[in-house]
Structure formats: structure tokens, C-alpha cells
Amino acid sequence: MTDTQEDGAPSAPTSVRRIDVPESGELAQLAAVLDDLQYVLRCCEHLVTALGGPESGPVRVDADPALVEALWTGAVVGYVRCFSGRTKTLTRDDLARLELDGDVSGFHDMLSTLRDHYASRHVNPRESYTVGVAQSNDGNPRGVAVVSTPRPQVDETTVRLLGRVAYSLSALVDARMKKSQNDVLGVAHQMSPGQLSALPVVHLGEEGTG
């Protein structure tokens, strides 16, 4: 018997059975990539407002350089992680399926390079530094100066392009998730009730699962 709510609609389950098969592993990875892409989109929304002013985006964000760098770094790292060579959930070939204008593959390669720059453990991504020696009139050294040169900040056009790419990839991944869900359900249908009952229980939170 299926539990129902007072209005007759089926109640949301409070627990599920964990199934570990190749199909479920693929679905879990697709879900993780989709979450990363949604995170990238959210960062881009905030960046558009920060760079273009309060009329440019849905949420007011102060144009603080530290905040801009944090949002852009998060967006770049999150985007490139979607193309992990370990999982191969998304590959460079998927970019051609998006049918977007411009050199999307070249843009993707640039973001991969930027990820290494912003995530570097050794190089300051914001500024480069040069040390100089000041001379007195007689030519002798009289002091040392540390001169910083700011690196260019991301521009709104680049942020909007990343947002379009992430949005299109989200639709691609979402479609693959629907197929993957059916694949997992197909595997479950091949199992007996006893086999399903033997699987470990996963208790769901109040919001359940997608």
C-alpha cells in the first residue's frame, strides 16, 4: 500500500535503497556536474551585477575587487572541474553540440589555463611584483621600493559568455540525467523485492531528493 497525504497525493518517501551499479555511478556523477554548472551560473549572475552595476543583474552585489576575484575564481574552478579527465562526464567534444556562436572551444581552453593560474599554489593571481632601488643625486642607493602591477580583472563580456556556455551545458547534462535515471530504474526492475530489501537504507532529509 502506498502512503498518501490528506489530499490523496502520494507522500514523498523518507528513505530509499542505495543501489551501487555502473548506471547509478554515472547518474551520481551527472548530478554532481549539474550542481557545479548551477554554481557557475550563480557566480556569473553575481559577477554581472558587480561589474556592470545594480541594473545589470538580479542581485545587488558590491563591486569589491576581493569579491569579484572570489566569484570569478569559483566560477572558473567549478567550470573546469566539470570536464575532469577522471570521470569524463563532459568532454571537449560536447562543446560542439551546444551550437553557440564564436570559438567556444578556444574559450574553454582559455578557462582551463586560467584555472591553473587562479588555483596556483605558488603564484599570486592578482598582482606581479618588482623590486627597485632608489638612487640619491650622487648615485648611491638610498632606499628600496616594491612595485606591484595589477593583473587585468575579468570583464562583463567574458562573464556573460561563461554563463551562456554553462547554461547550455546544464541543459545537455539534464537531458543525460533523465536517460540515466531510466537506466537505473531498469536495473532496479530486474531485481527481486528481496534483493531490493537487502540494499542499505539511505534516510532522506526534509527536502528529499531530486
N, C-alpha and C. Protein backbone atom coordinates (compact mmCIF):
# COMPACT_ATOMS: atom_id res chain seq x y z
N MET A 1 0.85 -1.19 0.00
CA MET A 1 0.00 0.00 0.00
C MET A 1 0.88 1.24 0.00
N THR A 2 0.53 2.21 -0.85
CA THR A 2 1.31 3.44 -0.95
C THR A 2 0.80 4.47 0.02
N ASP A 3 1.69 5.08 0.81
CA ASP A 3 1.28 6.14 1.72
C ASP A 3 0.81 7.35 0.94
N THR A 4 -0.26 7.97 1.45
CA THR A 4 -0.80 9.16 0.79
C THR A 4 -0.95 10.28 1.79
N GLN A 5 -1.00 11.52 1.25
CA GLN A 5 -1.24 12.69 2.08
C GLN A 5 -2.75 12.87 2.22
N GLU A 6 -3.15 13.87 3.00
CA GLU A 6 -4.57 14.12 3.22
C GLU A 6 -5.30 14.45 1.94
N ASP A 7 -4.61 15.07 0.97
CA ASP A 7 -5.27 15.42 -0.29
C ASP A 7 -5.27 14.26 -1.28
N GLY A 8 -4.78 13.09 -0.87
CA GLY A 8 -4.80 11.93 -1.74
C GLY A 8 -3.55 11.75 -2.56
N ALA A 9 -2.66 12.74 -2.57
CA ALA A 9 -1.43 12.64 -3.35
C ALA A 9 -0.45 11.73 -2.65
N PRO A 10 0.38 11.00 -3.42
CA PRO A 10 1.38 10.12 -2.79
C PRO A 10 2.34 10.91 -1.92
N SER A 11 2.68 10.38 -0.77
CA SER A 11 3.62 11.04 0.13
C SER A 11 5.05 10.86 -0.39
N ALA A 12 5.88 11.86 -0.13
CA ALA A 12 7.29 11.76 -0.52
C ALA A 12 7.96 10.72 0.36
N PRO A 13 8.81 9.88 -0.22
CA PRO A 13 9.47 8.85 0.60
C PRO A 13 10.43 9.49 1.58
N THR A 14 10.58 8.84 2.73
CA THR A 14 11.51 9.32 3.75
C THR A 14 12.83 8.56 3.70
N SER A 15 12.87 7.50 2.90
CA SER A 15 14.10 6.72 2.76
C SER A 15 14.09 6.02 1.41
N VAL A 16 15.28 5.68 0.93
CA VAL A 16 15.43 4.93 -0.32
C VAL A 16 16.47 3.84 -0.10
N ARG A 17 16.60 2.94 -1.05
CA ARG A 17 17.61 1.89 -1.00
C ARG A 17 18.79 2.29 -1.87
N ARG A 18 19.96 2.25 -1.31
CA ARG A 18 21.16 2.61 -2.07
C ARG A 18 21.51 1.49 -3.04
N ILE A 19 21.65 1.86 -4.32
CA ILE A 19 21.98 0.88 -5.33
C ILE A 19 23.31 1.27 -5.97
N ASP A 20 24.27 0.36 -5.90
CA ASP A 20 25.62 0.61 -6.43
C ASP A 20 25.85 -0.24 -7.67
N VAL A 21 25.54 0.34 -8.80
CA VAL A 21 25.77 -0.30 -10.10
C VAL A 21 26.40 0.76 -11.01
N PRO A 22 27.00 0.35 -12.12
CA PRO A 22 27.61 1.36 -13.01
C PRO A 22 26.64 2.45 -13.43
N GLU A 23 25.38 2.08 -13.64
CA GLU A 23 24.39 3.07 -14.06
C GLU A 23 24.13 4.13 -12.98
N SER A 24 24.11 3.70 -11.71
CA SER A 24 23.88 4.66 -10.63
C SER A 24 25.10 5.54 -10.41
N GLY A 25 26.30 4.98 -10.64
CA GLY A 25 27.51 5.78 -10.53
C GLY A 25 27.54 6.88 -11.58
N GLU A 26 27.10 6.55 -12.77
CA GLU A 26 27.05 7.56 -13.84
C GLU A 26 26.04 8.65 -13.50
N LEU A 27 24.89 8.26 -12.97
CA LEU A 27 23.87 9.24 -12.60
C LEU A 27 24.35 10.16 -11.50
N ALA A 28 25.03 9.60 -10.50
CA ALA A 28 25.54 10.41 -9.40
C ALA A 28 26.56 11.43 -9.91
N GLN A 29 27.41 11.02 -10.84
CA GLN A 29 28.41 11.94 -11.39
C GLN A 29 27.76 13.03 -12.22
N LEU A 30 26.72 12.68 -12.98
CA LEU A 30 25.98 13.69 -13.75
C LEU A 30 25.35 14.71 -12.81
N ALA A 31 24.80 14.24 -11.69
CA ALA A 31 24.19 15.15 -10.73
C ALA A 31 25.22 16.10 -10.14
N ALA A 32 26.43 15.59 -9.87
CA ALA A 32 27.49 16.43 -9.32
C ALA A 32 27.92 17.49 -10.32
N VAL A 33 28.00 17.13 -11.60
CA VAL A 33 28.38 18.08 -12.63
C VAL A 33 27.29 19.14 -12.81
N LEU A 34 26.04 18.71 -12.80
CA LEU A 34 24.95 19.68 -12.92
C LEU A 34 24.98 20.68 -11.77
N ASP A 35 25.26 20.20 -10.57
CA ASP A 35 25.35 21.10 -9.42
C ASP A 35 26.49 22.11 -9.61
N ASP A 36 27.63 21.65 -10.13
CA ASP A 36 28.74 22.56 -10.39
C ASP A 36 28.36 23.61 -11.42
N LEU A 37 27.65 23.21 -12.47
CA LEU A 37 27.24 24.16 -13.51
C LEU A 37 26.26 25.19 -12.96
N GLN A 38 25.37 24.76 -12.08
CA GLN A 38 24.44 25.71 -11.46
C GLN A 38 25.19 26.68 -10.56
N TYR A 39 26.22 26.20 -9.90
CA TYR A 39 27.06 27.08 -9.08
C TYR A 39 27.77 28.11 -9.95
N VAL A 40 28.29 27.67 -11.09
CA VAL A 40 28.95 28.59 -12.02
C VAL A 40 27.97 29.67 -12.48
N LEU A 41 26.76 29.28 -12.82
CA LEU A 41 25.74 30.24 -13.26
C LEU A 41 25.45 31.26 -12.16
N ARG A 42 25.36 30.80 -10.93
CA ARG A 42 25.08 31.71 -9.81
C ARG A 42 26.22 32.71 -9.63
N CYS A 43 27.46 32.23 -9.73
CA CYS A 43 28.60 33.13 -9.64
C CYS A 43 28.56 34.17 -10.76
N CYS A 44 28.21 33.74 -11.96
CA CYS A 44 28.15 34.67 -13.09
C CYS A 44 27.07 35.71 -12.89
N GLU A 45 25.93 35.33 -12.32
CA GLU A 45 24.87 36.30 -12.05
C GLU A 45 25.36 37.39 -11.12
N HIS A 46 26.04 37.00 -10.06
CA HIS A 46 26.56 37.98 -9.10
C HIS A 46 27.66 38.84 -9.75
N LEU A 47 28.49 38.23 -10.58
CA LEU A 47 29.57 38.97 -11.22
C LEU A 47 29.04 40.02 -12.19
N VAL A 48 28.01 39.68 -12.95
CA VAL A 48 27.43 40.65 -13.89
C VAL A 48 26.97 41.89 -13.14
N THR A 49 26.36 41.70 -11.99
CA THR A 49 25.91 42.83 -11.19
C THR A 49 27.10 43.61 -10.62
N ALA A 50 28.10 42.88 -10.12
CA ALA A 50 29.26 43.53 -9.53
C ALA A 50 30.03 44.36 -10.55
N LEU A 51 30.13 43.85 -11.77
CA LEU A 51 30.93 44.53 -12.80
C LEU A 51 30.13 45.58 -13.56
N GLY A 52 28.83 45.36 -13.72
CA GLY A 52 28.04 46.27 -14.55
C GLY A 52 27.14 47.20 -13.79
N GLY A 53 27.06 47.05 -12.46
CA GLY A 53 26.18 47.92 -11.69
C GLY A 53 24.90 47.22 -11.30
N PRO A 54 24.12 47.81 -10.40
CA PRO A 54 22.92 47.16 -9.86
C PRO A 54 21.85 46.88 -10.90
N GLU A 55 21.88 47.56 -12.05
CA GLU A 55 20.87 47.33 -13.07
C GLU A 55 21.22 46.16 -13.98
N SER A 56 22.41 45.58 -13.83
CA SER A 56 22.89 44.57 -14.76
C SER A 56 22.53 43.14 -14.37
N GLY A 57 22.14 42.93 -13.14
CA GLY A 57 21.89 41.57 -12.70
C GLY A 57 20.74 41.50 -11.73
N PRO A 58 20.31 40.29 -11.36
CA PRO A 58 19.15 40.11 -10.48
C PRO A 58 19.40 40.38 -9.01
N VAL A 59 20.67 40.38 -8.60
CA VAL A 59 21.00 40.53 -7.19
C VAL A 59 22.04 41.63 -7.03
N ARG A 60 21.86 42.49 -6.05
CA ARG A 60 22.81 43.59 -5.82
C ARG A 60 24.08 43.05 -5.19
N VAL A 61 25.20 43.31 -5.82
CA VAL A 61 26.50 42.88 -5.31
C VAL A 61 27.47 44.04 -5.40
N ASP A 62 28.16 44.34 -4.31
CA ASP A 62 29.15 45.41 -4.33
C ASP A 62 30.34 45.02 -5.20
N ALA A 63 30.86 46.00 -5.93
CA ALA A 63 31.98 45.75 -6.85
C ALA A 63 33.30 45.78 -6.09
N ASP A 64 33.41 44.98 -5.06
CA ASP A 64 34.63 44.88 -4.29
C ASP A 64 35.60 43.97 -5.03
N PRO A 65 36.85 44.39 -5.26
CA PRO A 65 37.79 43.55 -6.01
C PRO A 65 37.98 42.16 -5.42
N ALA A 66 37.97 42.07 -4.10
CA ALA A 66 38.14 40.76 -3.46
C ALA A 66 36.95 39.86 -3.75
N LEU A 67 35.74 40.44 -3.75
CA LEU A 67 34.55 39.66 -4.04
C LEU A 67 34.52 39.23 -5.50
N VAL A 68 34.90 40.14 -6.40
CA VAL A 68 34.94 39.81 -7.82
C VAL A 68 35.92 38.66 -8.06
N GLU A 69 37.10 38.74 -7.45
CA GLU A 69 38.08 37.67 -7.63
C GLU A 69 37.57 36.34 -7.08
N ALA A 70 36.92 36.39 -5.91
CA ALA A 70 36.41 35.16 -5.30
C ALA A 70 35.34 34.51 -6.18
N LEU A 71 34.42 35.32 -6.69
CA LEU A 71 33.36 34.80 -7.54
C LEU A 71 33.91 34.24 -8.85
N TRP A 72 34.84 34.99 -9.46
CA TRP A 72 35.40 34.55 -10.73
C TRP A 72 36.25 33.29 -10.55
N THR A 73 37.04 33.24 -9.48
CA THR A 73 37.83 32.06 -9.22
C THR A 73 36.93 30.84 -9.02
N GLY A 74 35.86 31.01 -8.23
CA GLY A 74 34.93 29.91 -8.01
C GLY A 74 34.28 29.45 -9.29
N ALA A 75 33.90 30.41 -10.15
CA ALA A 75 33.26 30.07 -11.41
C ALA A 75 34.20 29.29 -12.32
N VAL A 76 35.44 29.75 -12.43
CA VAL A 76 36.41 29.10 -13.31
C VAL A 76 36.75 27.70 -12.80
N VAL A 77 37.02 27.58 -11.51
CA VAL A 77 37.37 26.27 -10.95
C VAL A 77 36.20 25.29 -11.08
N GLY A 78 34.98 25.78 -10.80
CA GLY A 78 33.81 24.92 -10.90
C GLY A 78 33.56 24.47 -12.33
N TYR A 79 33.75 25.37 -13.29
CA TYR A 79 33.52 25.02 -14.69
C TYR A 79 34.52 23.96 -15.16
N VAL A 80 35.79 24.18 -14.91
CA VAL A 80 36.81 23.25 -15.40
C VAL A 80 36.66 21.89 -14.72
N ARG A 81 36.21 21.87 -13.47
CA ARG A 81 36.02 20.60 -12.77
C ARG A 81 34.98 19.72 -13.48
N CYS A 82 34.04 20.33 -14.18
CA CYS A 82 33.02 19.57 -14.91
C CYS A 82 33.62 18.73 -16.02
N PHE A 83 34.82 19.10 -16.45
CA PHE A 83 35.48 18.39 -17.54
C PHE A 83 36.62 17.51 -17.02
N SER A 84 36.48 17.01 -15.81
CA SER A 84 37.51 16.19 -15.20
C SER A 84 37.87 15.01 -16.10
N GLY A 85 39.15 14.83 -16.32
CA GLY A 85 39.60 13.70 -17.12
C GLY A 85 39.41 12.38 -16.42
N ARG A 86 39.20 12.40 -15.12
CA ARG A 86 39.00 11.17 -14.36
C ARG A 86 37.61 10.60 -14.60
N THR A 87 36.59 11.46 -14.60
CA THR A 87 35.22 10.98 -14.77
C THR A 87 34.77 11.03 -16.23
N LYS A 88 35.27 12.01 -16.98
CA LYS A 88 34.89 12.20 -18.39
C LYS A 88 33.39 12.33 -18.56
N THR A 89 32.74 12.95 -17.57
CA THR A 89 31.30 13.19 -17.68
C THR A 89 31.01 14.17 -18.81
N LEU A 90 31.80 15.22 -18.89
CA LEU A 90 31.77 16.14 -20.03
C LEU A 90 33.15 16.14 -20.67
N THR A 91 33.17 16.24 -21.99
CA THR A 91 34.44 16.33 -22.70
C THR A 91 34.42 17.54 -23.62
N ARG A 92 35.55 17.85 -24.19
CA ARG A 92 35.67 18.98 -25.10
C ARG A 92 34.76 18.81 -26.31
N ASP A 93 34.52 17.56 -26.71
CA ASP A 93 33.65 17.31 -27.86
C ASP A 93 32.21 17.77 -27.60
N ASP A 94 31.81 17.79 -26.32
CA ASP A 94 30.45 18.22 -26.01
C ASP A 94 30.21 19.68 -26.34
N LEU A 95 31.27 20.47 -26.39
CA LEU A 95 31.11 21.90 -26.68
C LEU A 95 30.55 22.12 -28.07
N ALA A 96 30.90 21.24 -29.03
CA ALA A 96 30.40 21.39 -30.40
C ALA A 96 28.90 21.14 -30.47
N ARG A 97 28.36 20.39 -29.52
CA ARG A 97 26.94 20.07 -29.51
C ARG A 97 26.09 21.26 -29.02
N LEU A 98 26.72 22.26 -28.45
CA LEU A 98 25.98 23.40 -27.90
C LEU A 98 25.46 24.34 -28.98
N GLU A 99 26.12 24.35 -30.13
CA GLU A 99 25.73 25.21 -31.26
C GLU A 99 25.68 26.69 -30.86
N LEU A 100 26.70 27.11 -30.11
CA LEU A 100 26.82 28.50 -29.73
C LEU A 100 27.72 29.24 -30.72
N ASP A 101 27.48 30.53 -30.87
CA ASP A 101 28.31 31.34 -31.76
C ASP A 101 29.69 31.57 -31.14
N GLY A 102 30.68 31.74 -32.00
CA GLY A 102 32.02 32.05 -31.52
C GLY A 102 32.87 30.81 -31.31
N ASP A 103 34.11 31.06 -30.92
CA ASP A 103 35.08 29.99 -30.70
C ASP A 103 34.93 29.46 -29.28
N VAL A 104 33.94 28.61 -29.07
CA VAL A 104 33.67 28.09 -27.73
C VAL A 104 34.80 27.20 -27.24
N SER A 105 35.37 26.41 -28.15
CA SER A 105 36.48 25.53 -27.76
C SER A 105 37.69 26.34 -27.32
N GLY A 106 37.98 27.42 -28.04
CA GLY A 106 39.09 28.29 -27.65
C GLY A 106 38.84 28.95 -26.31
N PHE A 107 37.59 29.36 -26.08
CA PHE A 107 37.22 29.95 -24.79
C PHE A 107 37.39 28.93 -23.68
N HIS A 108 36.99 27.69 -23.94
CA HIS A 108 37.14 26.61 -22.97
C HIS A 108 38.62 26.40 -22.63
N ASP A 109 39.48 26.41 -23.63
CA ASP A 109 40.91 26.22 -23.39
C ASP A 109 41.48 27.37 -22.55
N MET A 110 40.99 28.59 -22.81
CA MET A 110 41.44 29.73 -22.03
C MET A 110 41.06 29.58 -20.56
N LEU A 111 39.83 29.10 -20.31
CA LEU A 111 39.39 28.90 -18.93
C LEU A 111 40.21 27.83 -18.24
N SER A 112 40.60 26.80 -18.98
CA SER A 112 41.45 25.76 -18.38
C SER A 112 42.79 26.33 -17.94
N THR A 113 43.34 27.22 -18.77
CA THR A 113 44.60 27.88 -18.41
C THR A 113 44.41 28.80 -17.22
N LEU A 114 43.29 29.53 -17.20
CA LEU A 114 43.01 30.44 -16.09
C LEU A 114 42.84 29.67 -14.78
N ARG A 115 42.23 28.49 -14.86
CA ARG A 115 42.06 27.68 -13.65
C ARG A 115 43.41 27.40 -13.00
N ASP A 116 44.39 27.05 -13.82
CA ASP A 116 45.72 26.78 -13.28
C ASP A 116 46.32 28.04 -12.67
N HIS A 117 46.00 29.19 -13.27
CA HIS A 117 46.52 30.46 -12.77
C HIS A 117 45.89 30.82 -11.43
N TYR A 118 44.56 30.77 -11.35
CA TYR A 118 43.88 31.17 -10.12
C TYR A 118 44.04 30.16 -9.00
N ALA A 119 44.23 28.89 -9.34
CA ALA A 119 44.37 27.86 -8.32
C ALA A 119 45.83 27.54 -8.00
N SER A 120 46.74 28.35 -8.52
CA SER A 120 48.16 28.08 -8.30
C SER A 120 48.53 28.16 -6.83
N ARG A 121 49.37 27.26 -6.40
CA ARG A 121 49.87 27.30 -5.02
C ARG A 121 51.12 28.15 -4.89
N HIS A 122 51.59 28.71 -6.00
CA HIS A 122 52.89 29.37 -5.99
C HIS A 122 52.87 30.81 -6.51
N VAL A 123 51.87 31.16 -7.33
CA VAL A 123 51.86 32.48 -7.98
C VAL A 123 50.66 33.29 -7.51
N ASN A 124 50.90 34.55 -7.15
CA ASN A 124 49.83 35.47 -6.79
C ASN A 124 49.00 35.78 -8.04
N PRO A 125 47.70 35.47 -8.06
CA PRO A 125 46.91 35.69 -9.27
C PRO A 125 46.48 37.14 -9.46
N ARG A 126 46.66 37.99 -8.45
CA ARG A 126 46.16 39.36 -8.53
C ARG A 126 47.19 40.35 -9.06
N GLU A 127 48.44 40.22 -8.61
CA GLU A 127 49.46 41.22 -8.96
C GLU A 127 50.82 40.56 -9.12
N SER A 128 51.66 41.19 -9.93
CA SER A 128 53.07 40.78 -10.02
C SER A 128 53.90 41.87 -9.33
N TYR A 129 55.05 41.49 -8.82
CA TYR A 129 55.84 42.42 -8.01
C TYR A 129 57.26 42.54 -8.56
N THR A 130 57.75 43.77 -8.53
CA THR A 130 59.12 44.08 -8.94
C THR A 130 59.77 44.90 -7.84
N VAL A 131 61.02 44.62 -7.58
CA VAL A 131 61.76 45.36 -6.56
C VAL A 131 62.77 46.29 -7.24
N GLY A 132 62.76 47.55 -6.82
CA GLY A 132 63.69 48.53 -7.37
C GLY A 132 64.49 49.22 -6.28
N VAL A 133 65.61 49.79 -6.65
CA VAL A 133 66.47 50.53 -5.73
C VAL A 133 66.49 52.00 -6.13
N ALA A 134 66.16 52.87 -5.20
CA ALA A 134 66.19 54.31 -5.47
C ALA A 134 67.61 54.85 -5.25
N GLN A 135 68.01 55.79 -6.13
CA GLN A 135 69.35 56.38 -6.03
C GLN A 135 69.27 57.83 -5.57
N SER A 136 70.30 58.25 -4.83
CA SER A 136 70.43 59.65 -4.46
C SER A 136 71.11 60.40 -5.61
N ASN A 137 71.27 61.70 -5.48
CA ASN A 137 71.87 62.50 -6.55
C ASN A 137 73.30 62.09 -6.87
N ASP A 138 73.98 61.54 -5.88
CA ASP A 138 75.36 61.12 -6.13
C ASP A 138 75.45 59.69 -6.66
N GLY A 139 74.30 59.09 -6.92
CA GLY A 139 74.28 57.77 -7.50
C GLY A 139 74.26 56.63 -6.51
N ASN A 140 74.38 56.92 -5.23
CA ASN A 140 74.38 55.86 -4.22
C ASN A 140 72.95 55.41 -3.91
N PRO A 141 72.77 54.16 -3.51
CA PRO A 141 71.43 53.68 -3.16
C PRO A 141 70.92 54.37 -1.90
N ARG A 142 69.62 54.70 -1.94
CA ARG A 142 69.05 55.38 -0.77
C ARG A 142 67.78 54.72 -0.26
N GLY A 143 67.31 53.72 -0.95
CA GLY A 143 66.09 53.05 -0.48
C GLY A 143 65.65 51.96 -1.46
N VAL A 144 64.75 51.16 -1.00
CA VAL A 144 64.21 50.06 -1.80
C VAL A 144 62.70 50.24 -1.93
N ALA A 145 62.20 50.01 -3.13
CA ALA A 145 60.76 50.11 -3.39
C ALA A 145 60.24 48.79 -3.96
N VAL A 146 59.08 48.36 -3.47
CA VAL A 146 58.40 47.18 -4.01
C VAL A 146 57.24 47.69 -4.87
N VAL A 147 57.32 47.45 -6.16
CA VAL A 147 56.33 47.96 -7.11
C VAL A 147 55.42 46.82 -7.54
N SER A 148 54.10 47.03 -7.39
CA SER A 148 53.13 46.00 -7.78
C SER A 148 52.43 46.41 -9.08
N THR A 149 52.19 45.43 -9.92
CA THR A 149 51.47 45.65 -11.17
C THR A 149 50.22 44.78 -11.17
N PRO A 150 49.03 45.39 -11.06
CA PRO A 150 47.79 44.59 -11.02
C PRO A 150 47.58 43.82 -12.32
N ARG A 151 47.12 42.60 -12.19
CA ARG A 151 46.75 41.82 -13.37
C ARG A 151 45.33 42.22 -13.78
N PRO A 152 44.99 42.11 -15.05
CA PRO A 152 43.66 42.55 -15.52
C PRO A 152 42.54 41.81 -14.81
N GLN A 153 41.50 42.55 -14.45
CA GLN A 153 40.32 41.95 -13.83
C GLN A 153 39.39 41.41 -14.92
N VAL A 154 38.62 40.40 -14.59
CA VAL A 154 37.69 39.84 -15.55
C VAL A 154 36.68 40.91 -15.98
N ASP A 155 36.23 40.84 -17.23
CA ASP A 155 35.26 41.82 -17.75
C ASP A 155 33.89 41.17 -17.89
N GLU A 156 32.88 42.02 -18.01
CA GLU A 156 31.50 41.55 -18.04
C GLU A 156 31.22 40.66 -19.26
N THR A 157 31.83 40.98 -20.41
CA THR A 157 31.60 40.18 -21.62
C THR A 157 32.05 38.74 -21.42
N THR A 158 33.21 38.55 -20.80
CA THR A 158 33.72 37.21 -20.54
C THR A 158 32.81 36.46 -19.58
N VAL A 159 32.33 37.15 -18.56
CA VAL A 159 31.43 36.52 -17.58
C VAL A 159 30.14 36.07 -18.26
N ARG A 160 29.59 36.92 -19.10
CA ARG A 160 28.34 36.56 -19.78
C ARG A 160 28.53 35.37 -20.72
N LEU A 161 29.68 35.29 -21.37
CA LEU A 161 29.95 34.16 -22.25
C LEU A 161 30.04 32.87 -21.45
N LEU A 162 30.73 32.92 -20.31
CA LEU A 162 30.80 31.74 -19.47
C LEU A 162 29.40 31.33 -19.01
N GLY A 163 28.58 32.30 -18.68
CA GLY A 163 27.21 32.00 -18.27
C GLY A 163 26.43 31.29 -19.36
N ARG A 164 26.58 31.74 -20.62
CA ARG A 164 25.87 31.10 -21.73
C ARG A 164 26.35 29.66 -21.94
N VAL A 165 27.66 29.46 -21.85
CA VAL A 165 28.20 28.11 -22.02
C VAL A 165 27.71 27.19 -20.90
N ALA A 166 27.77 27.67 -19.66
CA ALA A 166 27.33 26.86 -18.52
C ALA A 166 25.84 26.54 -18.60
N TYR A 167 25.06 27.50 -19.06
CA TYR A 167 23.60 27.29 -19.19
C TYR A 167 23.31 26.21 -20.23
N SER A 168 24.00 26.27 -21.36
CA SER A 168 23.79 25.29 -22.42
C SER A 168 24.26 23.90 -21.99
N LEU A 169 25.38 23.85 -21.28
CA LEU A 169 25.87 22.56 -20.78
C LEU A 169 24.91 21.98 -19.74
N SER A 170 24.27 22.85 -18.96
CA SER A 170 23.30 22.37 -17.97
C SER A 170 22.15 21.64 -18.65
N ALA A 171 21.67 22.19 -19.75
CA ALA A 171 20.58 21.54 -20.49
C ALA A 171 21.05 20.19 -21.03
N LEU A 172 22.28 20.12 -21.51
CA LEU A 172 22.83 18.88 -22.03
C LEU A 172 22.93 17.82 -20.94
N VAL A 173 23.44 18.21 -19.79
CA VAL A 173 23.60 17.27 -18.67
C VAL A 173 22.23 16.84 -18.14
N ASP A 174 21.30 17.77 -18.07
CA ASP A 174 19.96 17.45 -17.57
C ASP A 174 19.30 16.38 -18.45
N ALA A 175 19.46 16.50 -19.76
CA ALA A 175 18.90 15.50 -20.67
C ALA A 175 19.54 14.13 -20.44
N ARG A 176 20.84 14.12 -20.22
CA ARG A 176 21.53 12.86 -19.96
C ARG A 176 21.10 12.25 -18.63
N MET A 177 20.79 13.11 -17.66
CA MET A 177 20.34 12.60 -16.37
C MET A 177 19.01 11.89 -16.49
N LYS A 178 18.11 12.42 -17.31
CA LYS A 178 16.80 11.77 -17.49
C LYS A 178 16.98 10.36 -18.05
N LYS A 179 17.85 10.21 -19.03
CA LYS A 179 18.12 8.89 -19.59
C LYS A 179 18.78 8.00 -18.55
N SER A 180 19.72 8.56 -17.80
CA SER A 180 20.44 7.78 -16.79
C SER A 180 19.50 7.31 -15.69
N GLN A 181 18.53 8.15 -15.30
CA GLN A 181 17.55 7.75 -14.30
C GLN A 181 16.75 6.54 -14.77
N ASN A 182 16.36 6.56 -16.04
CA ASN A 182 15.63 5.42 -16.59
C ASN A 182 16.49 4.16 -16.61
N ASP A 183 17.79 4.33 -16.87
CA ASP A 183 18.70 3.19 -16.87
C ASP A 183 18.78 2.56 -15.48
N VAL A 184 18.88 3.42 -14.45
CA VAL A 184 18.94 2.91 -13.07
C VAL A 184 17.64 2.20 -12.70
N LEU A 185 16.52 2.80 -13.10
CA LEU A 185 15.23 2.19 -12.81
C LEU A 185 15.10 0.83 -13.52
N GLY A 186 15.65 0.75 -14.72
CA GLY A 186 15.62 -0.52 -15.43
C GLY A 186 16.39 -1.60 -14.70
N VAL A 187 17.53 -1.25 -14.14
CA VAL A 187 18.30 -2.21 -13.35
C VAL A 187 17.51 -2.64 -12.12
N ALA A 188 16.86 -1.68 -11.46
CA ALA A 188 16.09 -2.00 -10.27
C ALA A 188 14.93 -2.94 -10.58
N HIS A 189 14.31 -2.77 -11.76
CA HIS A 189 13.19 -3.64 -12.14
C HIS A 189 13.64 -5.08 -12.34
N GLN A 190 14.91 -5.27 -12.63
CA GLN A 190 15.43 -6.62 -12.84
C GLN A 190 15.73 -7.33 -11.52
N MET A 191 15.65 -6.60 -10.41
CA MET A 191 15.92 -7.17 -9.09
C MET A 191 14.62 -7.62 -8.43
N SER A 192 14.71 -8.64 -7.64
CA SER A 192 13.53 -9.13 -6.92
C SER A 192 13.27 -8.24 -5.71
N PRO A 193 12.04 -8.25 -5.16
CA PRO A 193 11.77 -7.49 -3.94
C PRO A 193 12.73 -7.82 -2.81
N GLY A 194 13.11 -9.10 -2.72
CA GLY A 194 14.05 -9.49 -1.67
C GLY A 194 15.42 -8.87 -1.87
N GLN A 195 15.86 -8.81 -3.13
CA GLN A 195 17.16 -8.20 -3.43
C GLN A 195 17.13 -6.70 -3.12
N LEU A 196 16.04 -6.06 -3.46
CA LEU A 196 15.91 -4.62 -3.18
C LEU A 196 15.89 -4.37 -1.67
N SER A 197 15.19 -5.22 -0.94
CA SER A 197 15.09 -5.03 0.51
C SER A 197 16.42 -5.25 1.21
N ALA A 198 17.32 -5.99 0.57
CA ALA A 198 18.62 -6.25 1.17
C ALA A 198 19.60 -5.09 0.98
N LEU A 199 19.25 -4.14 0.13
CA LEU A 199 20.12 -2.99 -0.11
C LEU A 199 20.12 -2.05 1.09
N PRO A 200 21.22 -1.35 1.36
CA PRO A 200 21.27 -0.44 2.51
C PRO A 200 20.30 0.72 2.37
N VAL A 201 19.76 1.14 3.50
CA VAL A 201 18.78 2.24 3.53
C VAL A 201 19.50 3.58 3.62
N VAL A 202 19.03 4.54 2.85
CA VAL A 202 19.51 5.91 2.92
C VAL A 202 18.34 6.78 3.35
N HIS A 203 18.45 7.41 4.51
CA HIS A 203 17.39 8.27 5.01
C HIS A 203 17.49 9.65 4.37
N LEU A 204 16.37 10.16 3.92
CA LEU A 204 16.34 11.44 3.23
C LEU A 204 16.07 12.56 4.21
N GLY A 205 16.59 13.75 3.85
CA GLY A 205 16.31 14.94 4.65
C GLY A 205 14.92 15.44 4.35
N GLU A 206 14.56 16.57 4.96
CA GLU A 206 13.22 17.13 4.78
C GLU A 206 12.93 17.50 3.35
N GLU A 207 13.99 17.90 2.59
CA GLU A 207 13.77 18.34 1.22
C GLU A 207 13.78 17.16 0.25
N GLY A 208 14.15 15.95 0.71
CA GLY A 208 14.16 14.79 -0.18
C GLY A 208 15.23 14.90 -1.22
N THR A 209 15.04 14.19 -2.33
CA THR A 209 16.00 14.20 -3.42
C THR A 209 15.34 14.66 -4.68
N GLY A 210 16.20 14.99 -5.68
CA GLY A 210 15.67 15.47 -6.94
C GLY A 210 15.25 14.34 -7.83
